[in-house]
N, C-alpha and C. Protein backbone atom coordinates (compact mmCIF):
# COMPACT_ATOMS: atom_id res chain seq x y z
N MET A 1 -22.73 18.40 -24.73
CA MET A 1 -21.41 17.81 -24.56
C MET A 1 -20.43 18.79 -23.92
N ILE A 2 -20.64 20.08 -24.36
CA ILE A 2 -19.91 21.18 -23.57
C ILE A 2 -20.01 21.19 -22.14
N ASN A 3 -21.41 21.34 -21.82
CA ASN A 3 -21.73 21.37 -20.35
C ASN A 3 -21.20 20.03 -19.67
N GLU A 4 -21.24 18.93 -20.41
CA GLU A 4 -20.84 17.75 -19.73
C GLU A 4 -19.29 17.90 -19.44
N ASN A 5 -18.59 18.26 -20.39
CA ASN A 5 -17.05 18.51 -20.21
C ASN A 5 -16.86 19.49 -19.07
N LEU A 6 -17.55 20.58 -19.05
CA LEU A 6 -17.44 21.60 -18.02
C LEU A 6 -17.69 20.99 -16.62
N TYR A 7 -18.72 20.18 -16.53
CA TYR A 7 -19.12 19.42 -15.36
C TYR A 7 -18.06 18.57 -14.87
N TRP A 8 -17.49 17.73 -15.74
CA TRP A 8 -16.35 16.88 -15.17
C TRP A 8 -15.08 17.67 -14.86
N GLN A 9 -14.73 18.59 -15.61
CA GLN A 9 -13.60 19.52 -15.33
C GLN A 9 -13.70 20.14 -14.01
N SER A 10 -14.99 20.63 -13.68
CA SER A 10 -15.22 21.15 -12.38
C SER A 10 -15.25 19.99 -11.32
N PHE A 11 -15.84 19.03 -11.57
CA PHE A 11 -15.87 17.81 -10.61
C PHE A 11 -14.45 17.45 -10.15
N LEU A 12 -13.50 17.28 -11.23
CA LEU A 12 -12.25 16.74 -10.95
C LEU A 12 -11.15 17.66 -10.42
N LEU A 13 -11.48 19.03 -10.54
CA LEU A 13 -10.39 19.98 -10.15
C LEU A 13 -10.02 19.83 -8.67
N PRO A 14 -10.93 19.67 -7.81
CA PRO A 14 -10.50 19.60 -6.29
C PRO A 14 -9.61 18.32 -6.09
N TYR A 15 -9.87 17.28 -6.92
CA TYR A 15 -9.01 16.08 -6.80
C TYR A 15 -7.74 16.34 -7.19
N GLU A 16 -7.56 17.00 -8.45
CA GLU A 16 -6.39 17.46 -8.96
C GLU A 16 -5.49 18.36 -8.02
N LEU A 17 -6.21 19.26 -7.36
CA LEU A 17 -5.56 20.19 -6.30
C LEU A 17 -5.05 19.26 -5.11
N ALA A 18 -5.72 18.29 -4.82
CA ALA A 18 -5.41 17.48 -3.72
C ALA A 18 -4.21 16.64 -3.90
N VAL A 19 -4.16 16.16 -5.13
CA VAL A 19 -2.99 15.21 -5.48
C VAL A 19 -1.82 16.13 -5.79
N GLY A 20 -1.95 17.27 -6.39
CA GLY A 20 -0.76 18.10 -6.57
C GLY A 20 -0.14 18.66 -5.26
N GLY A 21 -1.11 18.95 -4.42
CA GLY A 21 -0.72 19.48 -3.11
C GLY A 21 0.05 18.45 -2.20
N PHE A 22 -0.47 17.22 -2.35
CA PHE A 22 0.10 16.18 -1.50
C PHE A 22 1.42 15.56 -1.90
N ILE A 23 1.57 15.67 -3.36
CA ILE A 23 2.96 15.35 -3.82
C ILE A 23 4.04 16.13 -3.26
N ILE A 24 3.64 17.51 -3.39
CA ILE A 24 4.58 18.52 -2.81
C ILE A 24 4.78 18.28 -1.46
N LYS A 25 3.76 18.00 -0.68
CA LYS A 25 4.05 17.88 0.83
C LYS A 25 4.91 16.64 1.25
N LEU A 26 4.61 15.43 0.50
CA LEU A 26 5.36 14.31 0.81
C LEU A 26 6.80 14.49 0.27
N GLU A 27 6.98 15.20 -0.93
CA GLU A 27 8.42 15.39 -1.39
C GLU A 27 9.08 16.29 -0.32
N SER A 28 8.44 17.21 0.30
CA SER A 28 9.15 17.98 1.35
C SER A 28 9.43 17.24 2.50
N MET A 29 8.65 16.36 2.85
CA MET A 29 8.99 15.55 4.01
C MET A 29 10.28 14.62 3.71
N ARG A 30 10.28 14.15 2.54
CA ARG A 30 11.49 13.31 2.04
C ARG A 30 12.71 14.29 2.10
N LYS A 31 12.55 15.39 1.66
CA LYS A 31 13.82 16.27 1.79
C LYS A 31 14.22 16.68 3.13
N GLU A 32 13.19 16.82 4.00
CA GLU A 32 13.48 16.99 5.44
C GLU A 32 14.41 15.92 6.06
N PHE A 33 13.95 14.70 5.89
CA PHE A 33 14.83 13.65 6.19
C PHE A 33 16.22 13.80 5.73
N ILE A 34 16.41 14.04 4.38
CA ILE A 34 17.68 14.02 3.84
C ILE A 34 18.55 15.20 4.49
N LEU A 35 17.95 16.39 4.63
CA LEU A 35 18.63 17.53 5.35
C LEU A 35 19.00 17.32 6.69
N LYS A 36 18.22 16.41 7.47
CA LYS A 36 18.68 16.10 8.71
C LYS A 36 19.62 14.83 8.76
N ASN A 37 20.15 14.48 7.64
CA ASN A 37 21.12 13.47 7.47
C ASN A 37 20.48 12.13 7.87
N GLN A 38 19.20 11.84 7.76
CA GLN A 38 18.54 10.68 8.14
C GLN A 38 18.04 10.01 6.88
N SER A 39 17.75 8.62 7.04
CA SER A 39 17.29 7.90 5.96
C SER A 39 15.86 8.11 5.78
N SER A 40 15.43 8.48 4.67
CA SER A 40 14.05 8.83 4.39
C SER A 40 13.30 7.47 3.97
N PRO A 41 12.14 7.28 4.81
CA PRO A 41 11.23 6.12 4.44
C PRO A 41 10.54 6.36 3.09
N ILE A 42 10.52 7.61 2.62
CA ILE A 42 9.89 7.87 1.39
C ILE A 42 10.83 7.96 0.27
N GLU A 43 10.65 6.99 -0.64
CA GLU A 43 11.59 6.97 -1.79
C GLU A 43 11.14 7.84 -3.10
N ILE A 44 9.99 7.40 -3.46
CA ILE A 44 9.35 8.01 -4.67
C ILE A 44 7.90 8.26 -4.37
N VAL A 45 7.44 9.51 -4.77
CA VAL A 45 6.05 9.80 -4.64
C VAL A 45 5.44 10.27 -6.06
N SER A 46 4.21 9.62 -6.27
CA SER A 46 3.42 9.96 -7.57
C SER A 46 2.12 10.02 -7.20
N GLY A 47 1.38 10.51 -8.15
CA GLY A 47 -0.16 10.66 -7.90
C GLY A 47 -0.93 10.65 -9.25
N ARG A 48 -2.14 10.47 -9.10
CA ARG A 48 -3.02 10.53 -10.33
C ARG A 48 -4.43 10.71 -9.94
N VAL A 49 -5.26 11.32 -10.89
CA VAL A 49 -6.62 11.51 -10.57
C VAL A 49 -7.31 10.56 -11.71
N LYS A 50 -8.22 9.71 -11.32
CA LYS A 50 -8.85 8.81 -12.16
C LYS A 50 -9.65 9.59 -13.35
N SER A 51 -9.58 8.83 -14.55
CA SER A 51 -10.24 9.47 -15.74
C SER A 51 -11.68 9.33 -15.57
N VAL A 52 -12.41 10.15 -16.32
CA VAL A 52 -13.85 10.05 -16.26
C VAL A 52 -14.36 8.60 -16.55
N SER A 53 -13.80 8.05 -17.61
CA SER A 53 -14.31 6.77 -17.92
C SER A 53 -13.96 5.71 -16.91
N SER A 54 -12.84 5.83 -16.28
CA SER A 54 -12.44 4.87 -15.10
C SER A 54 -13.33 5.03 -13.94
N ILE A 55 -13.82 6.36 -13.66
CA ILE A 55 -14.81 6.64 -12.62
C ILE A 55 -16.11 5.88 -12.89
N LEU A 56 -16.69 6.30 -14.13
CA LEU A 56 -18.00 5.71 -14.59
C LEU A 56 -17.92 4.20 -14.50
N GLU A 57 -16.86 3.64 -15.12
CA GLU A 57 -16.75 2.13 -15.00
C GLU A 57 -16.73 1.46 -13.64
N LYS A 58 -16.08 2.15 -12.81
CA LYS A 58 -16.01 1.60 -11.34
C LYS A 58 -17.37 1.75 -10.63
N ALA A 59 -17.96 2.85 -10.89
CA ALA A 59 -19.32 3.24 -10.39
C ALA A 59 -20.35 2.05 -10.71
N GLU A 60 -20.19 1.83 -12.14
CA GLU A 60 -21.15 0.72 -12.57
C GLU A 60 -20.83 -0.57 -11.98
N ARG A 61 -19.58 -0.88 -12.02
CA ARG A 61 -19.15 -2.35 -11.50
C ARG A 61 -19.47 -2.40 -10.07
N LEU A 62 -19.36 -1.33 -9.20
CA LEU A 62 -19.71 -1.42 -7.82
C LEU A 62 -21.09 -1.12 -7.50
N ASN A 63 -21.92 -0.82 -8.51
CA ASN A 63 -23.27 -0.43 -8.33
C ASN A 63 -23.45 0.70 -7.50
N ILE A 64 -22.69 1.81 -7.83
CA ILE A 64 -22.80 3.10 -7.01
C ILE A 64 -23.62 4.15 -7.89
N ASP A 65 -24.47 4.69 -7.31
CA ASP A 65 -25.48 5.69 -8.07
C ASP A 65 -24.51 6.87 -8.35
N PHE A 66 -24.78 7.55 -9.54
CA PHE A 66 -24.08 8.59 -10.03
C PHE A 66 -23.91 9.69 -9.01
N ASN A 67 -24.88 10.11 -8.28
CA ASN A 67 -25.03 11.20 -7.38
C ASN A 67 -24.10 10.82 -6.13
N HIS A 68 -23.77 9.51 -5.91
CA HIS A 68 -23.10 9.13 -4.72
C HIS A 68 -21.66 8.78 -5.09
N ILE A 69 -21.16 9.13 -6.26
CA ILE A 69 -19.70 8.92 -6.68
C ILE A 69 -18.90 9.55 -5.64
N PRO A 70 -18.87 10.86 -5.27
CA PRO A 70 -17.91 11.33 -4.48
C PRO A 70 -17.52 10.69 -3.18
N GLU A 71 -18.73 10.16 -2.46
CA GLU A 71 -18.52 9.42 -1.25
C GLU A 71 -18.37 7.96 -1.48
N GLY A 72 -18.73 7.43 -2.54
CA GLY A 72 -18.68 5.95 -2.87
C GLY A 72 -17.41 5.40 -3.41
N ILE A 73 -16.78 6.34 -4.12
CA ILE A 73 -15.45 5.99 -4.79
C ILE A 73 -14.30 6.50 -4.00
N TYR A 74 -13.51 5.82 -3.35
CA TYR A 74 -12.45 6.46 -2.44
C TYR A 74 -11.29 6.84 -3.16
N ASP A 75 -11.05 6.33 -4.32
CA ASP A 75 -9.68 6.50 -4.97
C ASP A 75 -9.85 7.31 -6.28
N ILE A 76 -10.63 8.28 -6.21
CA ILE A 76 -10.64 9.16 -7.36
C ILE A 76 -9.34 10.01 -7.33
N ALA A 77 -8.84 10.42 -6.27
CA ALA A 77 -7.53 10.98 -6.02
C ALA A 77 -6.64 9.90 -5.36
N GLY A 78 -5.58 9.70 -6.07
CA GLY A 78 -4.71 8.53 -5.50
C GLY A 78 -3.15 9.18 -5.50
N ILE A 79 -2.66 8.84 -4.36
CA ILE A 79 -1.16 9.07 -4.10
C ILE A 79 -0.46 7.83 -3.80
N ARG A 80 0.65 7.67 -4.53
CA ARG A 80 1.40 6.36 -4.35
C ARG A 80 2.80 6.84 -3.76
N VAL A 81 3.15 6.08 -2.69
CA VAL A 81 4.56 6.18 -2.12
C VAL A 81 5.20 4.90 -2.25
N THR A 82 6.42 4.92 -2.84
CA THR A 82 7.15 3.69 -2.93
C THR A 82 8.39 3.79 -1.94
N CYS A 83 8.55 2.67 -1.29
CA CYS A 83 9.61 2.59 -0.23
C CYS A 83 10.59 1.54 -0.56
N ARG A 84 11.73 1.56 0.16
CA ARG A 84 12.74 0.57 -0.14
C ARG A 84 12.40 -0.73 0.84
N TYR A 85 11.94 -0.59 1.98
CA TYR A 85 11.70 -1.78 2.86
C TYR A 85 10.34 -1.66 3.38
N ILE A 86 9.81 -2.91 3.89
CA ILE A 86 8.57 -3.01 4.37
C ILE A 86 8.30 -2.17 5.56
N GLU A 87 9.38 -2.06 6.51
CA GLU A 87 9.24 -1.26 7.61
C GLU A 87 9.12 0.11 7.36
N ASP A 88 9.74 0.58 6.25
CA ASP A 88 9.43 2.00 5.69
C ASP A 88 7.99 2.13 5.37
N VAL A 89 7.43 1.19 4.74
CA VAL A 89 5.85 1.37 4.35
C VAL A 89 5.08 1.66 5.63
N TYR A 90 5.39 1.21 6.73
CA TYR A 90 4.59 1.48 7.92
C TYR A 90 5.03 2.71 8.68
N LYS A 91 6.35 3.14 8.46
CA LYS A 91 6.82 4.38 8.93
C LYS A 91 6.01 5.53 8.13
N VAL A 92 5.80 5.32 6.87
CA VAL A 92 5.12 6.32 6.16
C VAL A 92 3.65 6.39 6.47
N ALA A 93 3.13 5.31 6.69
CA ALA A 93 1.78 5.25 7.18
C ALA A 93 1.65 6.10 8.58
N GLU A 94 2.55 5.74 9.52
CA GLU A 94 2.46 6.56 10.71
C GLU A 94 2.67 8.05 10.43
N LEU A 95 3.44 8.44 9.62
CA LEU A 95 3.68 9.90 9.36
C LEU A 95 2.43 10.49 8.80
N LEU A 96 1.65 9.71 7.97
CA LEU A 96 0.46 10.34 7.38
C LEU A 96 -0.77 10.38 8.45
N LYS A 97 -0.66 9.30 9.35
CA LYS A 97 -1.65 9.26 10.47
C LYS A 97 -1.37 10.46 11.48
N SER A 98 -0.20 10.97 11.61
CA SER A 98 0.21 11.91 12.50
C SER A 98 -0.32 13.34 11.91
N ARG A 99 -0.54 13.39 10.62
CA ARG A 99 -0.84 14.68 10.09
C ARG A 99 -2.16 15.36 10.56
N LYS A 100 -2.32 16.60 10.63
CA LYS A 100 -3.51 17.24 11.17
C LYS A 100 -4.43 17.56 9.89
N ASP A 101 -3.98 17.53 8.62
CA ASP A 101 -4.75 17.89 7.54
C ASP A 101 -5.48 16.91 6.88
N ILE A 102 -5.26 15.58 7.30
CA ILE A 102 -6.13 14.48 6.69
C ILE A 102 -6.61 13.80 8.01
N ASP A 103 -7.83 13.04 7.58
CA ASP A 103 -8.48 12.26 8.55
C ASP A 103 -8.62 10.85 7.98
N ILE A 104 -7.66 9.88 8.26
CA ILE A 104 -7.63 8.62 7.86
C ILE A 104 -8.77 7.76 8.60
N PHE A 105 -9.72 7.40 7.76
CA PHE A 105 -10.87 6.54 8.30
C PHE A 105 -10.91 5.11 7.98
N LEU A 106 -9.89 4.69 7.13
CA LEU A 106 -9.87 3.28 6.65
C LEU A 106 -8.54 2.81 6.31
N VAL A 107 -8.17 1.68 6.82
CA VAL A 107 -6.93 1.11 6.36
C VAL A 107 -7.08 -0.28 5.83
N LYS A 108 -6.48 -0.57 4.76
CA LYS A 108 -6.52 -1.81 4.11
C LYS A 108 -5.19 -2.49 4.03
N ASP A 109 -4.69 -3.32 4.88
CA ASP A 109 -3.39 -3.79 4.77
C ASP A 109 -3.22 -5.13 4.01
N TYR A 110 -2.97 -5.02 2.76
CA TYR A 110 -2.86 -6.07 1.86
C TYR A 110 -1.41 -6.68 1.78
N ILE A 111 -0.71 -6.13 2.77
CA ILE A 111 0.73 -6.78 2.99
C ILE A 111 0.57 -7.90 4.05
N LYS A 112 0.03 -7.65 5.03
CA LYS A 112 -0.36 -8.63 6.10
C LYS A 112 -1.38 -9.57 5.46
N ASP A 113 -2.23 -9.15 4.66
CA ASP A 113 -3.47 -10.00 4.17
C ASP A 113 -3.51 -9.71 2.75
N PRO A 114 -2.66 -10.42 1.87
CA PRO A 114 -2.72 -10.02 0.44
C PRO A 114 -4.01 -10.43 -0.27
N LYS A 115 -4.36 -9.83 -1.26
CA LYS A 115 -5.57 -10.19 -2.17
C LYS A 115 -5.37 -11.55 -2.65
N PRO A 116 -6.37 -12.38 -3.07
CA PRO A 116 -6.25 -13.59 -3.55
C PRO A 116 -5.39 -13.66 -4.78
N SER A 117 -5.36 -12.49 -5.54
CA SER A 117 -4.58 -12.31 -6.77
C SER A 117 -3.09 -12.22 -6.39
N GLY A 118 -2.82 -12.03 -5.21
CA GLY A 118 -1.42 -11.93 -4.85
C GLY A 118 -1.04 -10.37 -4.57
N TYR A 119 -1.80 -9.46 -4.79
CA TYR A 119 -1.45 -8.11 -4.59
C TYR A 119 -1.18 -7.70 -3.33
N ARG A 120 -0.15 -6.93 -3.06
CA ARG A 120 0.31 -6.56 -1.79
C ARG A 120 0.55 -5.15 -1.70
N SER A 121 -0.02 -4.40 -0.77
CA SER A 121 0.28 -2.91 -0.75
C SER A 121 -0.46 -2.50 0.64
N LEU A 122 -0.15 -1.30 1.13
CA LEU A 122 -0.91 -0.75 2.30
C LEU A 122 -1.74 0.46 1.78
N HIS A 123 -3.03 0.39 1.85
CA HIS A 123 -3.90 1.46 1.51
C HIS A 123 -4.44 2.19 2.62
N LEU A 124 -4.36 3.51 2.66
CA LEU A 124 -5.04 4.38 3.61
C LEU A 124 -6.09 5.25 2.86
N ILE A 125 -7.23 5.25 3.43
CA ILE A 125 -8.35 6.15 2.81
C ILE A 125 -8.57 7.30 3.75
N ALA A 126 -8.57 8.42 3.23
CA ALA A 126 -8.50 9.59 4.05
C ALA A 126 -9.52 10.66 3.67
N ARG A 127 -9.97 11.53 4.58
CA ARG A 127 -10.79 12.67 4.21
C ARG A 127 -9.88 13.82 4.28
N TYR A 128 -10.02 14.67 3.12
CA TYR A 128 -9.19 15.83 3.05
C TYR A 128 -9.99 17.00 2.60
N ASN A 129 -9.72 18.13 3.22
CA ASN A 129 -10.44 19.45 2.85
C ASN A 129 -9.58 20.13 1.73
N VAL A 130 -10.16 20.31 0.74
CA VAL A 130 -9.45 21.15 -0.30
C VAL A 130 -9.97 22.56 -0.37
N GLU A 131 -9.01 23.49 -0.34
CA GLU A 131 -9.34 24.92 -0.34
C GLU A 131 -9.66 25.29 -1.80
N THR A 132 -10.93 25.74 -2.05
CA THR A 132 -11.28 26.19 -3.30
C THR A 132 -11.80 27.71 -3.07
N VAL A 133 -12.21 28.30 -4.28
CA VAL A 133 -12.60 29.68 -4.20
C VAL A 133 -13.89 29.87 -3.61
N ASP A 134 -14.66 28.64 -3.49
CA ASP A 134 -15.96 28.64 -2.79
C ASP A 134 -15.98 28.18 -1.37
N GLY A 135 -14.52 27.95 -0.72
CA GLY A 135 -14.42 27.59 0.57
C GLY A 135 -14.04 26.07 0.40
N ARG A 136 -13.90 25.54 1.77
CA ARG A 136 -13.45 24.15 1.89
C ARG A 136 -14.38 23.11 1.32
N MET A 137 -13.68 22.14 0.53
CA MET A 137 -14.52 21.03 0.08
C MET A 137 -13.92 19.84 0.43
N PRO A 138 -14.61 18.98 1.28
CA PRO A 138 -14.11 17.74 1.67
C PRO A 138 -14.18 16.68 0.57
N ILE A 139 -13.01 15.89 0.32
CA ILE A 139 -13.06 14.71 -0.67
C ILE A 139 -12.35 13.58 0.03
N ASN A 140 -12.55 12.47 -0.57
CA ASN A 140 -11.92 11.24 -0.15
C ASN A 140 -10.66 11.06 -1.08
N MET A 141 -9.57 10.65 -0.55
CA MET A 141 -8.33 10.25 -1.47
C MET A 141 -7.76 9.12 -0.78
N GLU A 142 -7.02 8.32 -1.70
CA GLU A 142 -6.39 7.14 -1.32
C GLU A 142 -4.82 7.19 -1.34
N PHE A 143 -4.16 6.59 -0.34
CA PHE A 143 -2.77 6.53 -0.33
C PHE A 143 -2.32 5.09 -0.41
N GLN A 144 -1.61 4.79 -1.44
CA GLN A 144 -1.10 3.42 -1.66
C GLN A 144 0.51 3.47 -1.32
N ILE A 145 0.87 2.58 -0.34
CA ILE A 145 2.17 2.62 0.10
C ILE A 145 2.70 1.23 -0.17
N ARG A 146 3.91 1.10 -0.78
CA ARG A 146 4.52 -0.26 -1.07
C ARG A 146 5.94 -0.17 -1.36
N THR A 147 6.57 -1.36 -1.35
CA THR A 147 7.92 -1.40 -1.67
C THR A 147 8.10 -1.42 -3.18
N HIS A 148 9.40 -1.19 -3.72
CA HIS A 148 9.69 -1.25 -5.06
C HIS A 148 9.24 -2.51 -5.64
N ALA A 149 9.51 -3.77 -4.96
CA ALA A 149 9.37 -5.04 -5.46
C ALA A 149 7.71 -5.24 -5.61
N MET A 150 7.01 -4.77 -4.62
CA MET A 150 5.49 -4.84 -4.61
C MET A 150 5.01 -4.07 -5.87
N HIS A 151 5.61 -2.86 -6.15
CA HIS A 151 5.20 -1.96 -7.22
C HIS A 151 5.39 -2.62 -8.62
N LEU A 152 6.58 -3.26 -8.73
CA LEU A 152 6.89 -3.91 -9.98
C LEU A 152 5.84 -4.99 -10.26
N TRP A 153 5.39 -5.87 -9.22
CA TRP A 153 4.51 -6.85 -9.43
C TRP A 153 3.07 -6.23 -9.77
N ALA A 154 2.69 -5.12 -9.08
CA ALA A 154 1.44 -4.46 -9.25
C ALA A 154 1.30 -3.91 -10.55
N SER A 155 2.40 -3.46 -11.20
CA SER A 155 2.36 -2.71 -12.44
C SER A 155 2.21 -3.72 -13.51
N ILE A 156 2.76 -5.00 -13.39
CA ILE A 156 2.64 -6.03 -14.43
C ILE A 156 1.18 -6.46 -14.26
N GLU A 157 0.59 -6.79 -13.06
CA GLU A 157 -0.68 -7.25 -12.99
C GLU A 157 -1.69 -6.31 -13.61
N HIS A 158 -1.49 -4.87 -13.29
CA HIS A 158 -2.35 -3.82 -13.77
C HIS A 158 -2.40 -3.92 -15.35
N THR A 159 -1.10 -4.14 -16.00
CA THR A 159 -1.14 -4.15 -17.38
C THR A 159 -1.91 -5.40 -18.00
N LEU A 160 -1.68 -6.50 -17.37
CA LEU A 160 -2.40 -7.84 -17.69
C LEU A 160 -3.94 -7.70 -17.51
N LYS A 161 -4.38 -7.07 -16.54
CA LYS A 161 -5.73 -6.85 -16.35
C LYS A 161 -6.41 -6.13 -17.37
N TYR A 162 -5.77 -5.11 -18.01
CA TYR A 162 -6.26 -4.31 -19.16
C TYR A 162 -6.10 -5.07 -20.44
N LYS A 163 -5.06 -5.86 -20.50
CA LYS A 163 -4.92 -6.66 -21.82
C LYS A 163 -6.01 -7.71 -21.91
N TYR A 164 -6.30 -8.29 -20.75
CA TYR A 164 -7.33 -9.31 -20.76
C TYR A 164 -8.67 -8.90 -20.33
N TYR A 165 -8.98 -7.71 -20.12
CA TYR A 165 -10.21 -6.99 -19.84
C TYR A 165 -10.74 -7.72 -18.43
N ARG A 166 -9.67 -7.65 -17.51
CA ARG A 166 -9.94 -7.99 -16.08
C ARG A 166 -10.05 -9.52 -16.01
N GLN A 167 -9.96 -10.39 -17.01
CA GLN A 167 -10.20 -11.81 -17.07
C GLN A 167 -8.79 -12.49 -17.43
N ILE A 168 -7.89 -12.32 -16.41
CA ILE A 168 -6.52 -12.95 -16.67
C ILE A 168 -6.72 -14.45 -16.75
N PRO A 169 -6.13 -15.18 -17.73
CA PRO A 169 -6.24 -16.64 -17.85
C PRO A 169 -5.76 -17.25 -16.61
N GLU A 170 -6.26 -18.30 -16.28
CA GLU A 170 -5.93 -19.01 -15.00
C GLU A 170 -4.62 -19.34 -14.76
N GLY A 171 -3.80 -19.84 -15.97
CA GLY A 171 -2.52 -20.10 -15.90
C GLY A 171 -1.71 -19.02 -15.59
N ILE A 172 -1.92 -18.03 -16.17
CA ILE A 172 -1.10 -16.78 -15.91
C ILE A 172 -1.38 -16.28 -14.46
N GLN A 173 -2.63 -16.21 -14.06
CA GLN A 173 -3.00 -15.78 -12.67
C GLN A 173 -2.20 -16.67 -11.56
N THR A 174 -2.20 -17.94 -11.91
CA THR A 174 -1.41 -18.85 -10.92
C THR A 174 -0.01 -18.42 -10.80
N ARG A 175 0.62 -18.09 -11.85
CA ARG A 175 1.98 -17.78 -11.94
C ARG A 175 2.15 -16.41 -11.25
N LEU A 176 1.23 -15.48 -11.43
CA LEU A 176 1.33 -14.14 -10.82
C LEU A 176 1.28 -14.30 -9.27
N VAL A 177 0.44 -15.31 -8.80
CA VAL A 177 0.38 -15.47 -7.39
C VAL A 177 1.76 -16.06 -6.81
N GLN A 178 2.26 -16.91 -7.56
CA GLN A 178 3.65 -17.51 -7.26
C GLN A 178 4.69 -16.49 -7.28
N ALA A 179 4.48 -15.57 -8.25
CA ALA A 179 5.39 -14.38 -8.30
C ALA A 179 5.41 -13.52 -7.18
N SER A 180 4.15 -13.30 -6.75
CA SER A 180 3.93 -12.56 -5.47
C SER A 180 4.58 -13.04 -4.24
N LYS A 181 4.54 -14.41 -4.21
CA LYS A 181 5.12 -15.00 -3.06
C LYS A 181 6.72 -14.82 -3.03
N ILE A 182 7.18 -14.82 -4.28
CA ILE A 182 8.75 -14.52 -4.36
C ILE A 182 9.00 -13.18 -4.11
N VAL A 183 8.10 -12.30 -4.49
CA VAL A 183 8.39 -10.81 -4.19
C VAL A 183 8.32 -10.60 -2.59
N ALA A 184 7.41 -11.29 -2.02
CA ALA A 184 7.36 -11.19 -0.45
C ALA A 184 8.67 -11.67 0.10
N GLU A 185 9.05 -12.87 -0.46
CA GLU A 185 10.46 -13.31 0.11
C GLU A 185 11.58 -12.42 -0.16
N LEU A 186 11.52 -11.70 -1.33
CA LEU A 186 12.64 -10.69 -1.66
C LEU A 186 12.56 -9.58 -0.73
N ASP A 187 11.43 -9.09 -0.31
CA ASP A 187 11.23 -8.00 0.51
C ASP A 187 11.82 -8.35 2.07
N GLU A 188 11.44 -9.62 2.42
CA GLU A 188 11.86 -10.13 3.77
C GLU A 188 13.42 -10.21 3.81
N GLU A 189 14.02 -10.68 2.60
CA GLU A 189 15.43 -10.93 2.66
C GLU A 189 16.21 -9.51 2.56
N MET A 190 15.61 -8.50 1.89
CA MET A 190 16.19 -7.20 1.91
C MET A 190 16.08 -6.61 3.23
N THR A 191 15.11 -6.78 4.00
CA THR A 191 14.93 -6.28 5.39
C THR A 191 16.15 -7.03 6.18
N LYS A 192 16.16 -8.27 6.09
CA LYS A 192 17.34 -9.07 6.79
C LYS A 192 18.67 -8.40 6.45
N ILE A 193 18.91 -8.09 5.28
CA ILE A 193 20.17 -7.47 4.99
C ILE A 193 20.40 -6.10 5.43
N LYS A 194 19.27 -5.34 5.49
CA LYS A 194 19.40 -4.02 6.08
C LYS A 194 19.69 -4.14 7.58
N GLN A 195 19.00 -5.09 8.26
CA GLN A 195 19.29 -5.32 9.78
C GLN A 195 20.65 -5.71 10.01
N ALA A 196 21.23 -6.61 8.99
CA ALA A 196 22.75 -7.06 9.13
C ALA A 196 23.68 -5.89 9.03
N MET A 197 23.31 -4.97 8.09
CA MET A 197 24.18 -3.75 7.97
C MET A 197 24.18 -2.94 9.04
N SER A 198 23.06 -2.93 9.97
CA SER A 198 22.89 -1.93 11.10
C SER A 198 23.82 -2.61 12.29
N GLU A 199 23.98 -3.86 12.36
CA GLU A 199 24.64 -4.55 13.41
C GLU A 199 26.18 -4.03 13.65
């Protein structure tokens, strides 16, 4: 058990370093916009590293061999950026794509093409080199970029998934999909209001 705990602590450490480092980097970018008296597309930055149980559960669900977990699971390290407007979501994506320290190799646009559940967000999967005492270690990490409204919906759906062990009752799921459409309309209306304010 001790060896197993040490293994997972060692395994997760590079991901923890990546998340902590990128939270600082994105917060610094947000402050740069503010210091330049510009509107920052970055509103809130948060991050997390998957728990061991979540990693193993996902590996089993996706039929990923234990030895292939690092390259098979993209979101062990996750960064979330919350924005005010949809256009800000794509601005943040462009800021990330322009960085030299990450290599974005997969984009999943669930805003333009929502999941059947109604989930909407922009996901960027990137390769990132973590500096360790043994040298550079490449890892995968996921960036989730969404509006406040999208985040509210996603948070509620996430809670329901765990309450119902990923089997949300059909009636509730139908209402979630309807709520997602309302969220999309809200985001569009807020964008129109912003545009009207700029005229």
